[in-house]
Amino acid sequence: MLYNAEDFMSSSVVFAREKDYLYKIRGIILENSYSYIPIQIKEDYYFVSDFEISKIWTKLSKTDKYSKKLSDLIKADQLKLLQAEFVNTKDDLKKVIEKMEKSQFIPILVKDKDGDVVGIITAFDLL
């Protein structure tokens, strides 16, 4: 049996938004045990890592922890964004693994035939 990306993807993709507060994204990451969370900026997709959030969190004052938005951190070049890689729903498992290796095991976003993001694949999903 040939497996495709859609066989492994999680279709409930939780995105961060530029207008989200840092504490909210930190909460989502902690609550769901995410290592990475995707964010769309204009037409481009990126990932923010839990490590990046924790680095910033430990350096901010208590007030800033609850008042800073991701957009503030992005504009100030304080938040490192990782470019997202993509596969299509019908791409085979070999291509998914190659993309994941290329991205150094950062999750892969999955697009449908229309180019819409419909899923995400993490290394955990391939176990």
Protein backbone atom coordinates (compact mmCIF):
# COMPACT_ATOMS: atom_id res chain seq x y z
CA MET A 1 0.00 0.00 0.00
CA LEU A 2 1.32 3.44 -0.97
CA TYR A 3 0.86 6.09 1.71
CA ASN A 4 0.30 9.76 0.91
CA ALA A 5 0.76 12.90 2.98
CA GLU A 6 -2.97 13.01 3.71
CA ASP A 7 -2.67 9.63 5.46
CA PHE A 8 -0.32 11.10 8.08
CA MET A 9 -1.37 14.74 8.35
CA SER A 10 -3.31 16.30 11.14
CA SER A 11 -6.07 18.38 9.59
CA SER A 12 -6.63 20.62 12.59
CA VAL A 13 -3.89 23.17 12.06
CA VAL A 14 -3.63 25.82 14.78
CA PHE A 15 -2.09 29.03 13.48
CA ALA A 16 -0.57 31.90 15.39
CA ARG A 17 -1.49 35.33 14.06
CA GLU A 18 0.60 38.47 14.05
CA LYS A 19 -2.00 40.21 16.21
CA ASP A 20 -1.85 37.49 18.89
CA TYR A 21 -0.29 38.30 22.24
CA LEU A 22 2.88 36.43 23.17
CA TYR A 23 1.29 35.00 26.34
CA LYS A 24 -1.56 33.54 24.28
CA ILE A 25 0.79 31.72 21.89
CA ARG A 26 2.87 30.52 24.84
CA GLY A 27 -0.32 29.13 26.39
CA ILE A 28 -1.32 27.32 23.19
CA ILE A 29 2.15 25.79 22.90
CA LEU A 30 2.14 24.64 26.53
CA GLU A 31 -1.45 23.39 26.49
CA ASN A 32 -0.95 21.29 23.36
CA SER A 33 2.71 20.31 23.77
CA TYR A 34 3.58 21.92 20.43
CA SER A 35 7.21 22.37 19.51
CA TYR A 36 6.32 24.63 16.57
CA ILE A 37 3.33 26.72 15.62
CA PRO A 38 2.76 28.03 12.08
CA ILE A 39 2.10 31.66 11.29
CA GLN A 40 1.07 33.21 7.99
CA ILE A 41 2.48 36.63 7.17
CA LYS A 42 0.99 38.03 3.98
CA GLU A 43 1.35 35.17 1.49
CA ASP A 44 4.24 33.44 3.26
CA TYR A 45 4.17 30.76 5.93
CA TYR A 46 6.62 30.35 8.78
CA PHE A 47 7.02 28.44 12.03
CA VAL A 48 7.73 29.82 15.48
CA SER A 49 9.44 27.39 17.84
CA ASP A 50 8.74 26.83 21.50
CA PHE A 51 12.42 27.56 22.12
CA GLU A 52 12.11 31.02 20.53
CA ILE A 53 9.04 31.79 22.63
CA SER A 54 10.79 30.65 25.81
CA LYS A 55 13.91 32.72 25.03
CA ILE A 56 11.83 35.86 24.64
CA TRP A 57 9.57 35.03 27.59
CA THR A 58 12.47 34.78 30.03
CA LYS A 59 13.90 38.16 28.96
CA LEU A 60 10.70 40.24 29.15
CA SER A 61 9.34 42.11 32.13
CA LYS A 62 6.05 40.87 33.57
CA THR A 63 4.21 43.77 31.92
CA ASP A 64 5.77 43.10 28.51
CA LYS A 65 4.98 39.37 28.75
CA TYR A 66 1.29 40.23 28.68
CA SER A 67 1.33 43.28 26.41
CA LYS A 68 3.62 42.26 23.53
CA LYS A 69 2.07 41.00 20.32
CA LEU A 70 3.88 38.76 17.87
CA SER A 71 3.81 41.66 15.39
CA ASP A 72 5.79 43.79 17.89
CA LEU A 73 8.45 41.11 18.19
CA ILE A 74 8.59 40.46 14.44
CA LYS A 75 8.95 44.17 13.61
CA ALA A 76 11.71 44.52 16.21
CA ASP A 77 13.44 41.47 14.71
CA GLN A 78 13.29 39.75 18.12
CA LEU A 79 11.38 36.66 17.00
CA LYS A 80 13.16 34.19 14.75
CA LEU A 81 10.81 32.80 12.10
CA LEU A 82 11.56 29.56 10.25
CA GLN A 83 10.42 29.29 6.63
CA ALA A 84 7.77 26.60 6.20
CA GLU A 85 8.14 23.71 3.76
CA PHE A 86 5.16 22.18 1.95
CA VAL A 87 3.96 18.94 0.49
CA ASN A 88 0.74 18.20 -1.33
CA THR A 89 -1.93 15.84 0.00
CA LYS A 90 -1.11 13.27 -2.70
CA ASP A 91 2.68 13.35 -2.25
CA ASP A 92 4.04 9.96 -1.23
CA LEU A 93 5.68 9.14 2.08
CA LYS A 94 9.17 9.24 0.55
CA LYS A 95 8.70 12.88 -0.49
CA VAL A 96 7.30 13.78 2.94
CA ILE A 97 10.36 12.28 4.65
CA GLU A 98 12.74 14.03 2.23
CA LYS A 99 11.07 17.40 2.91
CA MET A 100 11.17 16.81 6.66
CA GLU A 101 14.87 15.96 6.52
CA LYS A 102 15.48 19.09 4.41
CA SER A 103 13.68 21.22 6.99
CA GLN A 104 15.68 19.60 9.82
CA PHE A 105 12.52 17.96 11.21
CA ILE A 106 10.48 21.12 11.49
CA PRO A 107 6.84 20.26 10.70
CA ILE A 108 5.65 20.31 7.10
CA LEU A 109 2.48 22.06 5.99
CA VAL A 110 0.19 20.17 3.61
CA LYS A 111 -1.59 21.87 0.72
CA ASP A 112 -4.53 20.59 -1.30
CA LYS A 113 -4.83 20.74 -5.10
CA ASP A 114 -6.02 24.35 -4.85
CA GLY A 115 -2.96 25.41 -2.83
CA ASP A 116 -4.83 25.83 0.46
CA VAL A 117 -3.16 24.65 3.67
CA VAL A 118 -5.23 21.70 4.88
CA GLY A 119 -2.90 19.91 7.26
CA ILE A 120 0.38 19.61 9.09
CA ILE A 121 2.79 16.72 9.51
CA THR A 122 5.24 16.50 12.41
CA ALA A 123 7.96 13.94 13.00
CA PHE A 124 5.67 12.46 15.68
CA ASP A 125 2.97 11.83 13.03
CA LEU A 126 5.38 9.57 11.12
CA LEU A 127 6.04 7.25 14.07
